[in-house]
Amino acid sequence: MSKYDVNFKRLALLLLPTFLRRPLMASLTYAAVTPLNYIHTRFLEFRKDAAYRLNHNGQVCYLRAVLNDTFDPELRRITVTDTAQNVGILLVFRRDEDRAILVPRRNSESVVLVNRRGFGGTSGYDFVVNIPLALRGIDDARLTAVVNTYKLASKRFAISYY
């Protein structure tokens, strides 16, 4: 039992004198305690969220866990890879989409058109967040905000859909 587990309805009823413990008075007491119960529930949710944020830091395993908890809780397909592991893979930053895309290998079926207009350079990232194409519809701004919250301040990242 936690010190934060408080049943305010029961507490209010127990604090009533015994001669006032009638159905009408109990209903009035419950009505008076309902806003307090709502505030207490919001406090418990805030406490749970704060504990979650404090327990997860900038480590790769925790970042991957946070991303999967937020965007893909059932299948957990989102991965985070270091760019040193991606030797031979070329990331090209596309300015008009404000996102880096993965240039496929020669043997793959997908084609990426690379020309001078619309591209701002290659790589320069510390890690890559790999998201499956099935999750393509998620909000990129929210995804970037979650990654920025948990990553180290000096690290740069790219979002790649595979």
N, C-alpha and C. Protein backbone atom coordinates (compact mmCIF):
# COMPACT_ATOMS: atom_id res chain seq x y z
N MET A 1 0.84 -1.19 0.00
CA MET A 1 0.00 0.00 0.00
C MET A 1 0.88 1.25 0.00
N SER A 2 0.59 2.12 -0.90
CA SER A 2 1.37 3.35 -1.02
C SER A 2 0.79 4.44 -0.13
N LYS A 3 1.62 5.38 0.22
CA LYS A 3 1.13 6.49 1.03
C LYS A 3 0.24 7.43 0.23
N TYR A 4 0.24 7.27 -1.10
CA TYR A 4 -0.61 8.10 -1.95
C TYR A 4 -1.94 7.46 -2.26
N ASP A 5 -2.17 6.24 -1.84
CA ASP A 5 -3.45 5.57 -2.06
C ASP A 5 -4.43 6.02 -1.00
N VAL A 6 -5.27 6.98 -1.36
CA VAL A 6 -6.25 7.52 -0.42
C VAL A 6 -7.63 7.41 -1.06
N ASN A 7 -8.56 6.79 -0.36
CA ASN A 7 -9.94 6.73 -0.80
C ASN A 7 -10.67 7.88 -0.12
N PHE A 8 -10.86 8.98 -0.84
CA PHE A 8 -11.42 10.18 -0.24
C PHE A 8 -12.89 10.03 0.12
N LYS A 9 -13.63 9.24 -0.65
CA LYS A 9 -15.03 9.02 -0.31
C LYS A 9 -15.16 8.31 1.03
N ARG A 10 -14.37 7.27 1.21
CA ARG A 10 -14.42 6.52 2.47
C ARG A 10 -13.93 7.38 3.63
N LEU A 11 -12.87 8.15 3.40
CA LEU A 11 -12.34 9.01 4.44
C LEU A 11 -13.36 10.07 4.86
N ALA A 12 -14.03 10.67 3.89
CA ALA A 12 -15.04 11.69 4.21
C ALA A 12 -16.20 11.08 4.98
N LEU A 13 -16.60 9.88 4.61
CA LEU A 13 -17.69 9.22 5.33
C LEU A 13 -17.27 8.86 6.76
N LEU A 14 -16.04 8.42 6.92
CA LEU A 14 -15.57 8.07 8.26
C LEU A 14 -15.39 9.29 9.15
N LEU A 15 -15.14 10.46 8.56
CA LEU A 15 -14.97 11.67 9.35
C LEU A 15 -16.31 12.32 9.76
N LEU A 16 -17.40 11.85 9.15
CA LEU A 16 -18.72 12.34 9.57
C LEU A 16 -19.07 11.77 10.94
N PRO A 17 -19.73 12.55 11.77
CA PRO A 17 -20.21 11.97 13.02
C PRO A 17 -21.24 10.87 12.74
N THR A 18 -21.34 9.92 13.62
CA THR A 18 -22.19 8.75 13.37
C THR A 18 -23.66 9.12 13.20
N PHE A 19 -24.13 10.14 13.87
CA PHE A 19 -25.55 10.49 13.74
C PHE A 19 -25.86 11.18 12.41
N LEU A 20 -24.82 11.62 11.65
CA LEU A 20 -25.03 12.24 10.33
C LEU A 20 -24.79 11.27 9.18
N ARG A 21 -24.49 10.05 9.46
CA ARG A 21 -24.19 9.08 8.40
C ARG A 21 -25.49 8.49 7.84
N ARG A 22 -26.18 9.28 7.09
CA ARG A 22 -27.42 8.89 6.42
C ARG A 22 -27.17 8.97 4.92
N PRO A 23 -28.01 8.34 4.09
CA PRO A 23 -27.79 8.35 2.64
C PRO A 23 -27.72 9.75 2.03
N LEU A 24 -28.59 10.66 2.47
CA LEU A 24 -28.58 12.01 1.91
C LEU A 24 -27.29 12.74 2.28
N MET A 25 -26.89 12.65 3.54
CA MET A 25 -25.66 13.32 3.98
C MET A 25 -24.42 12.68 3.33
N ALA A 26 -24.45 11.37 3.16
CA ALA A 26 -23.34 10.70 2.49
C ALA A 26 -23.23 11.16 1.04
N SER A 27 -24.36 11.34 0.36
CA SER A 27 -24.35 11.83 -1.03
C SER A 27 -23.79 13.24 -1.11
N LEU A 28 -24.19 14.09 -0.17
CA LEU A 28 -23.65 15.45 -0.15
C LEU A 28 -22.15 15.45 0.13
N THR A 29 -21.71 14.59 1.00
CA THR A 29 -20.29 14.48 1.30
C THR A 29 -19.51 13.99 0.09
N TYR A 30 -20.06 12.99 -0.61
CA TYR A 30 -19.41 12.49 -1.82
C TYR A 30 -19.31 13.59 -2.87
N ALA A 31 -20.36 14.39 -3.01
CA ALA A 31 -20.35 15.48 -3.98
C ALA A 31 -19.30 16.53 -3.61
N ALA A 32 -19.12 16.75 -2.33
CA ALA A 32 -18.13 17.74 -1.89
C ALA A 32 -16.70 17.25 -2.09
N VAL A 33 -16.51 15.93 -2.05
CA VAL A 33 -15.17 15.35 -2.12
C VAL A 33 -14.76 15.02 -3.56
N THR A 34 -15.71 15.00 -4.49
CA THR A 34 -15.41 14.63 -5.88
C THR A 34 -14.33 15.50 -6.52
N PRO A 35 -14.32 16.83 -6.40
CA PRO A 35 -13.21 17.61 -6.99
C PRO A 35 -11.85 17.27 -6.39
N LEU A 36 -11.82 16.98 -5.10
CA LEU A 36 -10.57 16.59 -4.47
C LEU A 36 -10.07 15.26 -5.03
N ASN A 37 -11.00 14.35 -5.28
CA ASN A 37 -10.64 13.06 -5.87
C ASN A 37 -10.08 13.24 -7.29
N TYR A 38 -10.67 14.17 -8.05
CA TYR A 38 -10.19 14.46 -9.41
C TYR A 38 -8.76 15.02 -9.38
N ILE A 39 -8.52 15.96 -8.48
CA ILE A 39 -7.18 16.55 -8.36
C ILE A 39 -6.18 15.50 -7.92
N HIS A 40 -6.57 14.63 -7.02
CA HIS A 40 -5.69 13.57 -6.55
C HIS A 40 -5.33 12.60 -7.68
N THR A 41 -6.30 12.27 -8.52
CA THR A 41 -6.05 11.40 -9.68
C THR A 41 -5.07 12.05 -10.64
N ARG A 42 -5.24 13.34 -10.91
CA ARG A 42 -4.30 14.05 -11.79
C ARG A 42 -2.91 14.10 -11.19
N PHE A 43 -2.82 14.26 -9.87
CA PHE A 43 -1.53 14.25 -9.19
C PHE A 43 -0.84 12.90 -9.35
N LEU A 44 -1.59 11.81 -9.20
CA LEU A 44 -1.00 10.48 -9.36
C LEU A 44 -0.51 10.25 -10.78
N GLU A 45 -1.25 10.74 -11.77
CA GLU A 45 -0.80 10.62 -13.16
C GLU A 45 0.48 11.43 -13.39
N PHE A 46 0.53 12.64 -12.85
CA PHE A 46 1.73 13.48 -12.97
C PHE A 46 2.92 12.80 -12.31
N ARG A 47 2.71 12.22 -11.15
CA ARG A 47 3.78 11.55 -10.43
C ARG A 47 4.32 10.35 -11.21
N LYS A 48 3.40 9.60 -11.83
CA LYS A 48 3.81 8.45 -12.63
C LYS A 48 4.60 8.89 -13.86
N ASP A 49 4.14 9.96 -14.53
CA ASP A 49 4.86 10.48 -15.71
C ASP A 49 6.23 11.04 -15.33
N ALA A 50 6.32 11.73 -14.21
CA ALA A 50 7.61 12.28 -13.76
C ALA A 50 8.59 11.16 -13.41
N ALA A 51 8.10 10.11 -12.78
CA ALA A 51 8.97 8.97 -12.46
C ALA A 51 9.45 8.29 -13.73
N TYR A 52 8.58 8.20 -14.74
CA TYR A 52 8.97 7.59 -16.02
C TYR A 52 10.06 8.43 -16.69
N ARG A 53 9.88 9.76 -16.70
CA ARG A 53 10.89 10.63 -17.32
C ARG A 53 12.21 10.58 -16.59
N LEU A 54 12.18 10.46 -15.27
CA LEU A 54 13.43 10.41 -14.50
C LEU A 54 14.14 9.07 -14.66
N ASN A 55 13.41 8.01 -14.90
CA ASN A 55 14.02 6.69 -15.04
C ASN A 55 14.60 6.44 -16.42
N HIS A 56 14.27 7.27 -17.39
CA HIS A 56 14.77 7.10 -18.75
C HIS A 56 15.70 8.26 -19.08
N ASN A 57 16.91 7.91 -19.54
CA ASN A 57 17.89 8.96 -19.85
C ASN A 57 18.33 8.83 -21.31
N GLY A 58 19.49 9.36 -21.65
CA GLY A 58 19.95 9.42 -23.02
C GLY A 58 20.59 8.16 -23.56
N GLN A 59 20.61 7.08 -22.78
CA GLN A 59 21.20 5.84 -23.29
C GLN A 59 20.34 5.30 -24.42
N VAL A 60 20.99 4.58 -25.33
CA VAL A 60 20.31 4.08 -26.51
C VAL A 60 19.17 3.13 -26.14
N CYS A 61 19.39 2.26 -25.18
CA CYS A 61 18.35 1.30 -24.80
C CYS A 61 17.12 2.02 -24.23
N TYR A 62 17.33 3.07 -23.46
CA TYR A 62 16.22 3.81 -22.89
C TYR A 62 15.51 4.64 -23.96
N LEU A 63 16.28 5.23 -24.87
CA LEU A 63 15.67 6.00 -25.95
C LEU A 63 14.80 5.11 -26.82
N ARG A 64 15.31 3.93 -27.15
CA ARG A 64 14.54 2.98 -27.94
C ARG A 64 13.27 2.56 -27.19
N ALA A 65 13.38 2.34 -25.88
CA ALA A 65 12.22 1.95 -25.08
C ALA A 65 11.17 3.06 -25.06
N VAL A 66 11.61 4.31 -24.91
CA VAL A 66 10.66 5.42 -24.88
C VAL A 66 9.96 5.57 -26.22
N LEU A 67 10.70 5.47 -27.31
CA LEU A 67 10.09 5.60 -28.63
C LEU A 67 9.10 4.48 -28.90
N ASN A 68 9.46 3.25 -28.51
CA ASN A 68 8.53 2.15 -28.70
C ASN A 68 7.32 2.24 -27.79
N ASP A 69 7.51 2.71 -26.56
CA ASP A 69 6.37 2.89 -25.66
C ASP A 69 5.41 3.95 -26.18
N THR A 70 5.96 4.98 -26.80
CA THR A 70 5.13 6.09 -27.26
C THR A 70 4.46 5.81 -28.59
N PHE A 71 5.19 5.28 -29.57
CA PHE A 71 4.67 5.18 -30.93
C PHE A 71 4.34 3.77 -31.40
N ASP A 72 4.94 2.74 -30.84
CA ASP A 72 4.70 1.37 -31.30
C ASP A 72 4.70 0.42 -30.11
N PRO A 73 3.71 0.53 -29.21
CA PRO A 73 3.77 -0.26 -27.97
C PRO A 73 3.55 -1.76 -28.17
N GLU A 74 2.84 -2.18 -29.21
CA GLU A 74 2.56 -3.60 -29.38
C GLU A 74 3.72 -4.36 -30.02
N LEU A 75 4.19 -3.88 -31.19
CA LEU A 75 5.20 -4.63 -31.94
C LEU A 75 6.63 -4.20 -31.63
N ARG A 76 6.84 -2.98 -31.14
CA ARG A 76 8.14 -2.47 -30.73
C ARG A 76 9.20 -2.63 -31.83
N ARG A 77 8.92 -2.03 -32.99
CA ARG A 77 9.80 -2.17 -34.15
C ARG A 77 10.77 -1.02 -34.33
N ILE A 78 10.66 0.03 -33.57
CA ILE A 78 11.54 1.19 -33.73
C ILE A 78 12.90 0.87 -33.13
N THR A 79 13.95 1.15 -33.88
CA THR A 79 15.32 0.90 -33.41
C THR A 79 16.13 2.19 -33.51
N VAL A 80 17.21 2.21 -32.75
CA VAL A 80 18.15 3.33 -32.78
C VAL A 80 19.51 2.73 -33.07
N THR A 81 20.15 3.21 -34.15
CA THR A 81 21.46 2.68 -34.53
C THR A 81 22.48 3.80 -34.55
N ASP A 82 23.69 3.43 -34.26
CA ASP A 82 24.81 4.36 -34.30
C ASP A 82 25.24 4.50 -35.75
N THR A 83 25.66 5.68 -36.17
CA THR A 83 26.07 5.85 -37.57
C THR A 83 27.38 5.14 -37.86
N ALA A 84 28.17 4.85 -36.84
CA ALA A 84 29.40 4.08 -37.08
C ALA A 84 29.07 2.66 -37.51
N GLN A 85 27.90 2.15 -37.11
CA GLN A 85 27.47 0.82 -37.53
C GLN A 85 26.94 0.84 -38.95
N ASN A 86 26.59 2.01 -39.44
CA ASN A 86 25.98 2.12 -40.76
C ASN A 86 27.01 2.44 -41.84
N VAL A 87 28.18 1.86 -41.75
CA VAL A 87 29.20 2.11 -42.77
C VAL A 87 28.71 1.53 -44.09
N GLY A 88 28.77 2.33 -45.14
CA GLY A 88 28.28 1.89 -46.43
C GLY A 88 26.86 2.37 -46.70
N ILE A 89 26.19 2.94 -45.71
CA ILE A 89 24.86 3.48 -45.90
C ILE A 89 24.98 4.99 -45.99
N LEU A 90 24.34 5.57 -46.96
CA LEU A 90 24.45 7.01 -47.19
C LEU A 90 23.13 7.68 -46.80
N LEU A 91 23.21 8.65 -45.93
CA LEU A 91 22.05 9.47 -45.58
C LEU A 91 22.17 10.79 -46.31
N VAL A 92 21.10 11.19 -46.96
CA VAL A 92 21.08 12.45 -47.67
C VAL A 92 19.98 13.30 -47.06
N PHE A 93 20.33 14.53 -46.68
CA PHE A 93 19.36 15.43 -46.06
C PHE A 93 18.60 16.17 -47.15
N ARG A 94 17.31 16.02 -47.14
CA ARG A 94 16.47 16.67 -48.13
C ARG A 94 15.86 17.92 -47.50
N ARG A 95 16.23 19.09 -48.03
CA ARG A 95 15.82 20.35 -47.43
C ARG A 95 14.32 20.59 -47.51
N ASP A 96 13.71 20.27 -48.64
CA ASP A 96 12.28 20.58 -48.78
C ASP A 96 11.42 19.73 -47.85
N GLU A 97 11.88 18.53 -47.48
CA GLU A 97 11.14 17.70 -46.52
C GLU A 97 11.66 17.88 -45.11
N ASP A 98 12.80 18.54 -44.95
CA ASP A 98 13.45 18.75 -43.64
C ASP A 98 13.67 17.42 -42.94
N ARG A 99 14.18 16.45 -43.68
CA ARG A 99 14.40 15.11 -43.15
C ARG A 99 15.50 14.42 -43.96
N ALA A 100 16.24 13.57 -43.27
CA ALA A 100 17.26 12.78 -43.97
C ALA A 100 16.61 11.50 -44.49
N ILE A 101 17.01 11.11 -45.69
CA ILE A 101 16.50 9.85 -46.24
C ILE A 101 17.68 8.94 -46.52
N LEU A 102 17.40 7.67 -46.54
CA LEU A 102 18.41 6.65 -46.75
C LEU A 102 18.53 6.37 -48.24
N VAL A 103 19.72 6.46 -48.78
CA VAL A 103 19.94 6.12 -50.18
C VAL A 103 20.11 4.60 -50.25
N PRO A 104 19.28 3.93 -51.05
CA PRO A 104 19.33 2.46 -51.07
C PRO A 104 20.59 1.94 -51.76
N ARG A 105 20.91 0.69 -51.48
CA ARG A 105 22.05 0.04 -52.12
C ARG A 105 21.73 -0.27 -53.57
N ARG A 106 22.74 -0.66 -54.32
CA ARG A 106 22.57 -0.90 -55.76
C ARG A 106 21.60 -2.03 -56.06
N ASN A 107 21.58 -3.05 -55.25
CA ASN A 107 20.77 -4.23 -55.55
C ASN A 107 19.30 -4.07 -55.12
N SER A 108 18.95 -3.00 -54.44
CA SER A 108 17.58 -2.86 -53.95
C SER A 108 16.66 -2.38 -55.06
N GLU A 109 15.36 -2.54 -54.82
CA GLU A 109 14.37 -2.19 -55.84
C GLU A 109 13.95 -0.72 -55.77
N SER A 110 14.07 -0.09 -54.59
CA SER A 110 13.63 1.30 -54.46
C SER A 110 14.67 2.24 -55.07
N VAL A 111 14.20 3.37 -55.56
CA VAL A 111 15.05 4.35 -56.24
C VAL A 111 14.87 5.69 -55.55
N VAL A 112 15.98 6.38 -55.30
CA VAL A 112 15.95 7.73 -54.77
C VAL A 112 16.63 8.63 -55.78
N LEU A 113 15.93 9.67 -56.20
CA LEU A 113 16.47 10.61 -57.16
C LEU A 113 17.34 11.62 -56.42
N VAL A 114 18.61 11.68 -56.77
CA VAL A 114 19.54 12.61 -56.13
C VAL A 114 20.00 13.61 -57.18
N ASN A 115 19.68 14.88 -56.94
CA ASN A 115 20.18 15.94 -57.81
C ASN A 115 20.59 17.11 -56.94
N ARG A 116 21.08 18.18 -57.54
CA ARG A 116 21.60 19.29 -56.74
C ARG A 116 20.50 20.05 -56.03
N ARG A 117 19.36 20.20 -56.64
CA ARG A 117 18.29 20.98 -56.04
C ARG A 117 17.60 20.17 -54.95
N GLY A 118 17.41 20.76 -53.78
CA GLY A 118 16.63 20.12 -52.73
C GLY A 118 17.43 19.31 -51.74
N PHE A 119 18.73 19.15 -51.95
CA PHE A 119 19.54 18.38 -51.01
C PHE A 119 20.58 19.27 -50.38
N GLY A 120 20.84 19.03 -49.10
CA GLY A 120 21.74 19.91 -48.38
C GLY A 120 23.04 19.27 -47.95
N GLY A 121 23.28 18.03 -48.25
CA GLY A 121 24.53 17.41 -47.83
C GLY A 121 24.31 15.99 -47.37
N THR A 122 25.35 15.37 -46.86
CA THR A 122 25.24 13.98 -46.44
C THR A 122 25.61 13.84 -44.98
N SER A 123 25.13 12.81 -44.42
CA SER A 123 25.42 12.30 -43.08
C SER A 123 25.66 13.39 -42.04
N GLY A 124 26.69 13.26 -41.20
CA GLY A 124 26.93 14.21 -40.14
C GLY A 124 26.06 13.99 -38.92
N TYR A 125 25.53 12.77 -38.75
CA TYR A 125 24.66 12.46 -37.63
C TYR A 125 25.35 11.49 -36.69
N ASP A 126 25.00 11.58 -35.42
CA ASP A 126 25.57 10.68 -34.42
C ASP A 126 24.79 9.37 -34.30
N PHE A 127 23.47 9.45 -34.48
CA PHE A 127 22.66 8.22 -34.48
C PHE A 127 21.45 8.41 -35.37
N VAL A 128 20.86 7.28 -35.73
CA VAL A 128 19.71 7.27 -36.63
C VAL A 128 18.56 6.56 -35.94
N VAL A 129 17.39 7.16 -35.99
CA VAL A 129 16.18 6.53 -35.48
C VAL A 129 15.50 5.86 -36.66
N ASN A 130 15.43 4.53 -36.63
CA ASN A 130 14.87 3.75 -37.73
C ASN A 130 13.42 3.41 -37.42
N ILE A 131 12.52 3.85 -38.30
CA ILE A 131 11.09 3.64 -38.11
C ILE A 131 10.56 2.85 -39.30
N PRO A 132 9.77 1.80 -39.06
CA PRO A 132 9.21 1.04 -40.17
C PRO A 132 8.21 1.86 -40.98
N LEU A 133 8.06 1.50 -42.25
CA LEU A 133 7.15 2.23 -43.12
C LEU A 133 5.71 2.13 -42.66
N ALA A 134 5.37 1.10 -41.91
CA ALA A 134 4.00 0.96 -41.41
C ALA A 134 3.63 2.08 -40.44
N LEU A 135 4.63 2.72 -39.84
CA LEU A 135 4.39 3.83 -38.91
C LEU A 135 4.62 5.18 -39.57
N ARG A 136 4.56 5.24 -40.87
CA ARG A 136 4.85 6.47 -41.62
C ARG A 136 3.91 7.61 -41.24
N GLY A 137 2.72 7.33 -40.78
CA GLY A 137 1.74 8.37 -40.50
C GLY A 137 1.89 9.06 -39.16
N ILE A 138 2.90 8.69 -38.36
CA ILE A 138 3.04 9.33 -37.06
C ILE A 138 3.52 10.77 -37.23
N ASP A 139 3.24 11.58 -36.25
CA ASP A 139 3.58 13.00 -36.29
C ASP A 139 5.09 13.18 -36.12
N ASP A 140 5.74 13.71 -37.16
CA ASP A 140 7.20 13.90 -37.12
C ASP A 140 7.61 14.92 -36.08
N ALA A 141 6.80 15.93 -35.86
CA ALA A 141 7.13 16.94 -34.86
C ALA A 141 7.12 16.33 -33.45
N ARG A 142 6.15 15.48 -33.20
CA ARG A 142 6.09 14.81 -31.89
C ARG A 142 7.25 13.84 -31.73
N LEU A 143 7.58 13.12 -32.80
CA LEU A 143 8.71 12.19 -32.76
C LEU A 143 10.01 12.94 -32.49
N THR A 144 10.22 14.05 -33.16
CA THR A 144 11.42 14.86 -32.94
C THR A 144 11.46 15.41 -31.52
N ALA A 145 10.31 15.82 -31.00
CA ALA A 145 10.25 16.33 -29.63
C ALA A 145 10.61 15.26 -28.61
N VAL A 146 10.13 14.03 -28.82
CA VAL A 146 10.44 12.94 -27.88
C VAL A 146 11.93 12.63 -27.92
N VAL A 147 12.50 12.56 -29.13
CA VAL A 147 13.93 12.27 -29.25
C VAL A 147 14.75 13.40 -28.64
N ASN A 148 14.37 14.65 -28.89
CA ASN A 148 15.10 15.78 -28.32
C ASN A 148 15.01 15.82 -26.80
N THR A 149 13.92 15.34 -26.25
CA THR A 149 13.76 15.32 -24.79
C THR A 149 14.74 14.36 -24.14
N TYR A 150 14.96 13.20 -24.75
CA TYR A 150 15.74 12.15 -24.11
C TYR A 150 17.18 12.04 -24.59
N LYS A 151 17.54 12.63 -25.73
CA LYS A 151 18.92 12.50 -26.22
C LYS A 151 19.84 13.46 -25.49
N LEU A 152 21.13 13.20 -25.61
CA LEU A 152 22.11 14.14 -25.07
C LEU A 152 22.11 15.40 -25.92
N ALA A 153 22.43 16.52 -25.31
CA ALA A 153 22.34 17.81 -26.00
C ALA A 153 23.30 17.92 -27.18
N SER A 154 24.44 17.27 -27.12
CA SER A 154 25.43 17.41 -28.17
C SER A 154 25.23 16.44 -29.33
N LYS A 155 24.31 15.53 -29.22
CA LYS A 155 24.12 14.51 -30.26
C LYS A 155 23.16 15.00 -31.34
N ARG A 156 23.46 14.61 -32.58
CA ARG A 156 22.61 14.92 -33.73
C ARG A 156 22.00 13.62 -34.22
N PHE A 157 20.79 13.69 -34.71
CA PHE A 157 20.11 12.47 -35.14
C PHE A 157 19.37 12.70 -36.44
N ALA A 158 19.05 11.59 -37.07
CA ALA A 158 18.24 11.61 -38.29
C ALA A 158 17.15 10.58 -38.13
N ILE A 159 16.04 10.80 -38.80
CA ILE A 159 14.92 9.86 -38.78
C ILE A 159 14.90 9.18 -40.14
N SER A 160 14.92 7.86 -40.10
CA SER A 160 14.95 7.07 -41.33
C SER A 160 13.80 6.08 -41.33
N TYR A 161 13.08 6.03 -42.45
CA TYR A 161 11.99 5.06 -42.61
C TYR A 161 12.49 3.90 -43.45
N TYR A 162 12.29 2.69 -42.98
CA TYR A 162 12.75 1.50 -43.74
C TYR A 162 11.59 0.59 -44.08
